[in-house]
């Protein structure tokens, strides 16, 4: 055990309360379950846990008509897969951009030989349904629409249900980056007509990183059959084929993370199901926003479109850069620095993973003391 202690000194000098953008603090039950000794990922025992996890996640996402896939990757893997598998080379994709991660989708489209048509909004604002409809009228030949459900850099939650409705009425495929939304914001895959929605384990589900998950419509798989050069690692047809035949993945799955996700999905059920879980997240987010406002701070996102997983806050006048982040870190609290174009004028407080009311109270007590030490008045 001495070697473990040596590594702990390097990796984590002191215990921290995590209010990050991800990875987030994991549920104790998850960490306990993930300590299991490894076994064969081709065994019937593994197939049973993979199947059970997949079916539970499909229920949570209300994706009975779609196929839930689990792969060893970050969420960006499925972002790339959506482009390579469902859009022909040279095809056009309408990319909605409200921050840095919308721009990442644009980059995924470009780097994979497709053409992005960009609908971009000022930072802090969502894409509205009428704006998307207007963009699709002007660009009727796009193959698909990409939507960043929750923009982690600005703390904005896009109106996904309404945007998906517009896209489907125009006959377009709908790809959704739900990396920092899935598990905290409602997603009804079948009812909303979503063709591919993806996330990863280290966000709202409170599991260590390494696992990506997606719900994929049959329309995507049909498109993929006619698209050459889908790649090796993210070929959705192969991933589905192995799932159906073996309840596994083509490459070695991140077994501990899948076990951890299974634990979280069972926790959700014991809490009272999806509705109770999402209510918990909504109440936590409201408490954090209220705490910031009570300190005289300003929120970055447009009211009415606040994220349930991360709050972006303007630095007080006269303060630039990550000073607040650094001061809180000295006190044992890891929040998130500002990101992208607003990195010098904002800081972020994540709401994801294993966080208690006591943790939130302690964070704001220390934040108030930090602000006072910096000469900030309410």
Protein backbone atom coordinates (compact mmCIF):
# COMPACT_ATOMS: atom_id res chain seq x y z
CA UNK A 1 0.00 0.00 0.00
CA UNK A 2 2.99 2.32 0.28
CA UNK A 3 3.08 2.70 -3.50
CA UNK A 4 -0.57 3.78 -3.50
CA UNK A 5 0.20 6.49 -0.97
CA UNK A 6 3.12 7.64 -3.09
CA UNK A 7 0.88 8.01 -6.13
CA UNK A 8 -1.81 9.78 -4.11
CA UNK A 9 0.71 12.44 -3.14
CA UNK A 10 1.35 13.18 -6.80
CA UNK A 11 -2.18 12.91 -8.14
CA UNK A 12 -4.13 14.57 -5.35
CA UNK A 13 -2.11 16.50 -2.75
CA UNK A 14 -5.12 17.15 -0.53
CA UNK A 15 -8.83 16.31 -0.50
CA UNK A 16 -10.92 18.65 -2.62
CA UNK A 17 -14.63 19.39 -2.84
CA UNK A 18 -15.38 19.19 -6.56
CA UNK A 19 -17.66 21.69 -8.28
CA UNK A 20 -16.04 21.15 -11.66
CA UNK A 21 -17.18 20.95 -15.27
CA UNK A 22 -16.02 17.31 -15.25
CA UNK A 23 -14.68 14.92 -14.22
CA UNK A 24 -16.87 15.31 -11.16
CA UNK A 25 -17.03 13.79 -7.71
CA UNK A 26 -18.23 10.19 -7.97
CA UNK A 27 -20.93 8.61 -5.86
CA UNK A 28 -19.43 6.47 -3.08
CA UNK A 29 -21.43 3.46 -4.22
CA UNK A 30 -19.92 3.83 -7.69
CA UNK A 31 -16.36 3.87 -6.39
CA UNK A 32 -17.06 0.86 -4.21
CA UNK A 33 -18.50 -1.16 -7.09
CA UNK A 34 -15.63 -0.23 -9.42
CA UNK A 35 -13.10 -1.89 -7.10
CA UNK A 36 -14.16 -5.30 -8.44
CA UNK A 37 -11.37 -7.49 -9.80
CA UNK A 38 -11.46 -7.67 -13.60
CA UNK A 39 -12.93 -10.59 -15.49
CA UNK A 40 -13.27 -11.45 -19.17
CA UNK A 41 -15.17 -8.92 -21.24
CA UNK A 42 -16.30 -11.79 -23.45
CA UNK A 43 -17.76 -13.80 -20.59
CA UNK A 44 -21.48 -14.33 -20.02
CA UNK A 45 -21.15 -12.44 -16.73
CA UNK A 46 -19.95 -9.34 -18.53
CA UNK A 47 -22.62 -9.68 -21.20
CA UNK A 48 -25.26 -9.67 -18.48
CA UNK A 49 -23.99 -6.42 -16.90
CA UNK A 50 -23.62 -4.77 -20.32
CA UNK A 51 -27.15 -5.76 -21.31
CA UNK A 52 -28.65 -4.67 -18.00
CA UNK A 53 -26.88 -1.30 -18.13
CA UNK A 54 -27.92 -0.70 -21.74
CA UNK A 55 -31.58 -1.47 -21.06
CA UNK A 56 -31.66 0.69 -17.93
CA UNK A 57 -30.13 3.63 -19.79
CA UNK A 58 -32.59 3.18 -22.68
CA UNK A 59 -35.43 3.42 -20.18
CA UNK A 60 -33.95 6.56 -18.60
CA UNK A 61 -33.56 8.20 -22.02
CA UNK A 62 -37.01 7.00 -23.17
CA UNK A 63 -35.32 5.42 -26.17
CA UNK A 64 -37.33 2.25 -26.72
CA UNK A 65 -37.25 2.62 -30.53
CA UNK A 66 -33.58 3.55 -30.62
CA UNK A 67 -30.44 1.55 -29.84
CA UNK A 68 -28.29 2.51 -26.86
CA UNK A 69 -24.58 2.03 -27.44
CA UNK A 70 -21.76 2.07 -24.88
CA UNK A 71 -18.14 2.45 -26.03
CA UNK A 72 -14.70 3.16 -24.57
CA UNK A 73 -14.29 6.84 -25.46
CA UNK A 74 -15.05 10.38 -24.43
CA UNK A 75 -18.24 11.92 -25.76
CA UNK A 76 -16.33 13.40 -28.68
CA UNK A 77 -16.09 9.89 -30.14
CA UNK A 78 -19.81 9.78 -30.78
CA UNK A 79 -19.68 13.37 -32.06
CA UNK A 80 -17.30 12.21 -34.77
CA UNK A 81 -19.28 9.02 -35.34
CA UNK A 82 -22.46 10.96 -36.05
CA UNK A 83 -20.73 12.82 -38.87
CA UNK A 84 -18.87 9.86 -40.37
CA UNK A 85 -21.78 7.42 -40.22
CA UNK A 86 -24.81 9.51 -41.19
CA UNK A 87 -23.57 12.27 -43.49
CA UNK A 88 -22.06 11.44 -46.90
CA UNK A 89 -18.63 12.86 -47.74
CA UNK A 90 -19.04 16.47 -48.83
CA UNK A 91 -22.51 16.65 -47.31
CA UNK A 92 -23.70 19.75 -45.50
CA UNK A 93 -24.52 19.93 -41.79
CA UNK A 94 -26.22 22.85 -40.08
CA UNK A 95 -24.21 23.37 -36.90
CA UNK A 96 -25.78 25.46 -34.14
CA UNK A 97 -23.15 27.26 -32.09
CA UNK A 98 -23.68 29.00 -28.73
CA UNK A 99 -20.18 28.51 -27.35
CA UNK A 100 -16.96 26.55 -27.50
CA UNK A 101 -18.51 23.09 -27.67
CA UNK A 102 -20.76 24.03 -30.56
CA UNK A 103 -17.57 25.05 -32.29
CA UNK A 104 -16.13 21.62 -31.51
CA UNK A 105 -19.01 20.05 -33.47
CA UNK A 106 -18.27 22.42 -36.35
CA UNK A 107 -14.65 21.26 -36.26
CA UNK A 108 -15.72 17.59 -36.25
CA UNK A 109 -17.80 18.24 -39.38
CA UNK A 110 -14.91 19.99 -41.14
CA UNK A 111 -12.20 17.50 -40.19
CA UNK A 112 -14.28 14.63 -41.49
CA UNK A 113 -14.72 16.11 -44.95
CA UNK A 114 -18.22 17.49 -44.55
CA UNK A 115 -19.33 21.12 -44.89
CA UNK A 116 -20.64 23.00 -41.84
CA UNK A 117 -23.31 25.66 -42.28
CA UNK A 118 -23.09 27.64 -39.03
CA UNK A 119 -25.94 29.22 -37.09
CA UNK A 120 -24.18 31.11 -34.30
CA UNK A 121 -25.64 33.12 -31.43
CA UNK A 122 -23.94 35.62 -29.11
CA UNK A 123 -22.40 33.99 -26.04
CA UNK A 124 -24.89 33.53 -23.24
CA UNK A 125 -27.89 33.14 -25.52
CA UNK A 126 -29.67 30.02 -26.81
CA UNK A 127 -30.76 29.13 -30.32
CA UNK A 128 -34.48 29.81 -30.70
CA UNK A 129 -36.78 27.59 -32.79
CA UNK A 130 -37.71 30.35 -35.22
CA UNK A 131 -34.02 31.06 -35.82
CA UNK A 132 -33.35 27.43 -36.64
CA UNK A 133 -36.38 27.28 -38.91
CA UNK A 134 -35.19 30.37 -40.78
CA UNK A 135 -31.69 28.89 -41.20
CA UNK A 136 -33.14 25.65 -42.58
CA UNK A 137 -35.31 27.56 -45.04
CA UNK A 138 -32.16 29.23 -46.35
CA UNK A 139 -30.22 25.96 -46.43
CA UNK A 140 -32.68 23.26 -47.52
CA UNK A 141 -29.92 20.92 -48.70
CA UNK A 142 -28.32 20.22 -45.30
CA UNK A 143 -28.32 16.58 -44.21
CA UNK A 144 -28.55 17.12 -40.47
CA UNK A 145 -28.70 19.62 -37.62
CA UNK A 146 -26.34 19.52 -34.63
CA UNK A 147 -27.49 20.89 -31.29
CA UNK A 148 -25.40 21.43 -28.18
CA UNK A 149 -28.04 20.75 -25.54
CA UNK A 150 -26.04 22.25 -22.70
CA UNK A 151 -23.16 24.61 -23.51
CA UNK A 152 -20.59 24.03 -20.78
CA UNK A 153 -18.63 27.18 -21.56
CA UNK A 154 -21.57 29.57 -21.04
CA UNK A 155 -24.03 27.71 -18.81
CA UNK A 156 -26.84 27.87 -21.39
CA UNK A 157 -29.41 25.10 -21.91
CA UNK A 158 -30.80 25.08 -25.44
CA UNK A 159 -34.56 24.37 -25.90
CA UNK A 160 -33.85 20.92 -27.34
CA UNK A 161 -37.42 19.65 -27.63
CA UNK A 162 -38.51 22.67 -29.65
CA UNK A 163 -35.37 22.75 -31.81
CA UNK A 164 -35.64 19.04 -32.61
CA UNK A 165 -39.28 19.53 -33.61
CA UNK A 166 -38.31 22.22 -36.11
CA UNK A 167 -35.53 20.09 -37.60
CA UNK A 168 -37.74 17.02 -37.98
CA UNK A 169 -40.52 19.06 -39.60
CA UNK A 170 -37.92 20.11 -42.18
CA UNK A 171 -36.93 16.46 -42.69
CA UNK A 172 -33.46 16.73 -41.16
CA UNK A 173 -31.55 14.35 -38.94
CA UNK A 174 -30.95 15.58 -35.39
CA UNK A 175 -27.61 15.05 -33.65
CA UNK A 176 -27.35 16.17 -30.03
CA UNK A 177 -24.27 16.81 -27.93
CA UNK A 178 -25.64 16.10 -24.46
CA UNK A 179 -22.28 15.56 -22.77
CA UNK A 180 -23.00 17.98 -19.91
CA UNK A 181 -26.78 17.53 -20.07
CA UNK A 182 -27.58 13.82 -20.10
CA UNK A 183 -28.46 12.68 -16.62
CA UNK A 184 -29.56 16.14 -15.44
CA UNK A 185 -31.73 17.61 -18.21
CA UNK A 186 -34.72 15.74 -19.59
CA UNK A 187 -34.22 13.78 -22.80
CA UNK A 188 -37.03 11.90 -24.53
CA UNK A 189 -35.24 10.36 -27.50
CA UNK A 190 -38.18 8.76 -29.28
CA UNK A 191 -40.83 11.40 -28.56
CA UNK A 192 -38.56 14.26 -29.62
CA UNK A 193 -37.34 12.57 -32.78
CA UNK A 194 -33.64 12.60 -31.90
CA UNK A 195 -31.47 10.56 -34.25
CA UNK A 196 -28.29 10.48 -32.21
CA UNK A 197 -27.70 11.85 -28.72
CA UNK A 198 -24.47 11.23 -26.84
CA UNK A 199 -22.80 11.86 -23.52
CA UNK A 200 -19.98 10.55 -21.35
CA UNK A 201 -19.67 9.10 -17.89
CA UNK A 202 -17.75 11.84 -16.08
CA UNK A 203 -20.53 14.42 -16.03
CA UNK A 204 -24.05 14.28 -14.55
CA UNK A 205 -24.00 10.53 -13.92
CA UNK A 206 -21.07 10.94 -11.53
CA UNK A 207 -18.88 8.11 -12.87
CA UNK A 208 -15.13 8.32 -13.71
CA UNK A 209 -14.22 9.22 -17.31
CA UNK A 210 -13.67 6.67 -20.05
CA UNK A 211 -17.18 5.65 -21.10
CA UNK A 212 -19.25 7.24 -23.87
CA UNK A 213 -22.92 6.47 -24.38
CA UNK A 214 -25.40 7.23 -27.12
CA UNK A 215 -28.94 6.50 -28.28
CA UNK A 216 -29.03 6.00 -32.05
CA UNK A 217 -32.09 5.84 -34.31
CA UNK A 218 -32.64 3.22 -36.99
CA UNK A 219 -32.47 6.00 -39.57
CA UNK A 220 -28.81 6.56 -38.68
CA UNK A 221 -27.97 2.88 -39.15
CA UNK A 222 -29.77 2.86 -42.51
CA UNK A 223 -27.80 5.92 -43.63
CA UNK A 224 -24.55 4.30 -42.50
CA UNK A 225 -25.09 1.31 -44.82
CA UNK A 226 -24.62 3.60 -47.82
CA UNK A 227 -21.68 5.62 -46.53
CA UNK A 228 -18.15 4.34 -47.25
CA UNK A 229 -15.15 4.86 -45.02
CA UNK A 230 -16.98 5.08 -41.72
CA UNK A 231 -13.67 4.40 -40.01
CA UNK A 232 -12.60 1.53 -37.78
CA UNK A 233 -13.10 2.58 -34.16
CA UNK A 234 -16.42 4.44 -34.52
CA UNK A 235 -18.24 2.36 -37.13
CA UNK A 236 -21.76 2.39 -35.68
CA UNK A 237 -22.88 -0.62 -37.72
CA UNK A 238 -20.11 -2.75 -36.25
CA UNK A 239 -20.74 -1.46 -32.73
CA UNK A 240 -24.43 -2.31 -33.08
CA UNK A 241 -23.69 -5.72 -34.58
CA UNK A 242 -21.51 -6.73 -31.63
CA UNK A 243 -24.12 -5.37 -29.21
CA UNK A 244 -26.92 -7.42 -30.77
CA UNK A 245 -24.88 -10.63 -31.09
CA UNK A 246 -22.77 -10.51 -27.94
CA UNK A 247 -24.03 -7.70 -25.65
CA UNK A 248 -20.55 -6.22 -25.74
CA UNK A 249 -18.35 -3.88 -27.77
CA UNK A 250 -15.95 -4.49 -30.71
CA UNK A 251 -13.00 -3.19 -28.66
CA UNK A 252 -12.40 -3.78 -24.96
CA UNK A 253 -15.10 -1.96 -22.95
CA UNK A 254 -14.32 0.18 -19.89
CA UNK A 255 -15.79 -2.45 -17.59
CA UNK A 256 -15.46 -0.59 -14.26
CA UNK A 257 -17.19 2.50 -15.68
CA UNK A 258 -20.05 0.44 -17.08
CA UNK A 259 -20.47 -1.22 -13.70
CA UNK A 260 -20.42 2.25 -12.13
CA UNK A 261 -23.08 3.53 -14.53
CA UNK A 262 -25.23 0.52 -13.69
CA UNK A 263 -24.98 1.46 -10.01
CA UNK A 264 -26.03 5.06 -10.73
CA UNK A 265 -29.03 3.97 -12.77
CA UNK A 266 -30.12 1.79 -9.86
CA UNK A 267 -29.64 4.73 -7.46
CA UNK A 268 -31.91 6.79 -9.71
CA UNK A 269 -34.59 4.13 -9.56
CA UNK A 270 -34.40 3.92 -5.77
CA UNK A 271 -34.66 7.71 -5.49
CA UNK A 272 -38.04 7.51 -7.18
CA UNK A 273 -37.04 7.36 -10.83
CA UNK A 274 -36.10 9.84 -13.50
CA UNK A 275 -38.50 12.59 -12.44
CA UNK A 276 -37.21 12.65 -8.86
CA UNK A 277 -33.59 12.58 -10.04
CA UNK A 278 -34.05 15.49 -12.44
CA UNK A 279 -35.89 17.41 -9.71
CA UNK A 280 -32.86 16.93 -7.45
CA UNK A 281 -30.61 18.40 -10.12
CA UNK A 282 -32.96 21.32 -10.77
CA UNK A 283 -33.14 22.19 -7.08
CA UNK A 284 -29.37 21.95 -6.69
CA UNK A 285 -28.83 24.26 -9.66
CA UNK A 286 -31.32 26.78 -8.29
CA UNK A 287 -29.60 26.78 -4.92
CA UNK A 288 -26.25 27.52 -6.53
CA UNK A 289 -27.64 30.30 -8.71
CA UNK A 290 -29.39 31.84 -5.71
CA UNK A 291 -26.18 31.64 -3.71
CA UNK A 292 -24.31 33.56 -6.41
CA UNK A 293 -26.99 36.23 -6.70
CA UNK A 294 -27.10 36.65 -2.92
CA UNK A 295 -23.42 37.58 -3.07
CA UNK A 296 -24.15 40.28 -5.60
CA UNK A 297 -22.71 38.32 -8.52
CA UNK A 298 -24.13 38.29 -12.05
CA UNK A 299 -24.99 35.16 -14.04
CA UNK A 300 -23.73 34.86 -17.61
CA UNK A 301 -26.56 32.90 -19.23
CA UNK A 302 -29.79 34.46 -20.43
CA UNK A 303 -32.58 34.03 -17.83
CA UNK A 304 -34.93 31.19 -18.70
CA UNK A 305 -32.18 29.13 -20.29
CA UNK A 306 -30.04 28.32 -17.26
CA UNK A 307 -28.10 25.06 -17.24
CA UNK A 308 -29.01 22.41 -14.66
CA UNK A 309 -25.38 21.24 -14.54
CA UNK A 310 -23.13 24.31 -14.53
CA UNK A 311 -23.48 27.97 -13.64
CA UNK A 312 -21.27 30.54 -15.33
CA UNK A 313 -20.72 33.70 -13.28
CA UNK A 314 -19.18 37.04 -14.17
CA UNK A 315 -16.13 38.02 -12.17
CA UNK A 316 -16.83 41.08 -10.00
CA UNK A 317 -15.73 44.43 -11.47
CA UNK A 318 -11.97 44.89 -11.35
CA UNK A 319 -11.19 41.16 -11.18
CA UNK A 320 -9.87 39.33 -14.22
CA UNK A 321 -8.67 35.83 -14.86
CA UNK A 322 -8.85 32.79 -12.57
CA UNK A 323 -8.20 34.58 -9.25
CA UNK A 324 -11.40 33.35 -7.61
CA UNK A 325 -10.71 29.81 -8.83
CA UNK A 326 -7.19 29.91 -7.39
CA UNK A 327 -8.27 31.33 -4.03
CA UNK A 328 -11.02 28.75 -3.58
CA UNK A 329 -8.61 25.99 -4.49
CA UNK A 330 -6.35 27.05 -1.62
CA UNK A 331 -9.37 26.44 0.62
CA UNK A 332 -10.05 22.94 -0.75
CA UNK A 333 -12.71 23.76 -3.34
CA UNK A 334 -12.20 22.96 -7.01
CA UNK A 335 -14.57 24.96 -9.20
CA UNK A 336 -13.92 25.58 -12.91
CA UNK A 337 -12.13 28.44 -14.59
CA UNK A 338 -13.80 30.51 -17.27
CA UNK A 339 -13.59 28.84 -20.66
CA UNK A 340 -12.95 30.00 -24.19
CA UNK A 341 -13.62 33.60 -25.17
CA UNK A 342 -14.94 34.48 -21.69
CA UNK A 343 -12.17 32.80 -19.70
CA UNK A 344 -10.88 36.09 -18.23
CA UNK A 345 -14.26 37.49 -17.23
CA UNK A 346 -16.05 34.48 -15.76
CA UNK A 347 -15.73 31.51 -13.45
CA UNK A 348 -17.89 28.40 -13.37
CA UNK A 349 -19.49 26.32 -10.64
CA UNK A 350 -20.44 22.79 -11.64
CA UNK A 351 -23.48 21.08 -10.10
CA UNK A 352 -22.73 17.54 -11.26
CA UNK A 353 -22.00 14.30 -9.49
CA UNK A 354 -21.81 13.64 -5.78
CA UNK A 355 -22.50 16.98 -4.07
CA UNK A 356 -24.35 17.47 -0.80
CA UNK A 357 -26.25 20.52 0.52
CA UNK A 358 -23.54 20.87 3.13
CA UNK A 359 -20.91 21.01 0.37
CA UNK A 360 -22.82 23.84 -1.32
CA UNK A 361 -23.21 25.77 1.91
CA UNK A 362 -19.48 25.47 2.64
CA UNK A 363 -18.60 26.54 -0.89
CA UNK A 364 -20.58 29.77 -0.64
CA UNK A 365 -19.31 30.50 2.84
CA UNK A 366 -15.77 30.30 1.49
CA UNK A 367 -16.66 32.17 -1.70
CA UNK A 368 -18.04 35.03 0.38
CA UNK A 369 -14.83 35.15 2.41
CA UNK A 370 -12.73 35.10 -0.78
CA UNK A 371 -14.68 37.99 -2.27
CA UNK A 372 -14.24 40.02 0.90
CA UNK A 373 -10.50 39.31 0.90
CA UNK A 374 -10.37 40.65 -2.68
CA UNK A 375 -12.16 43.84 -1.64
CA UNK A 376 -15.45 42.94 -3.34
CA UNK A 377 -18.58 44.42 -1.80
CA UNK A 378 -22.11 43.16 -2.33
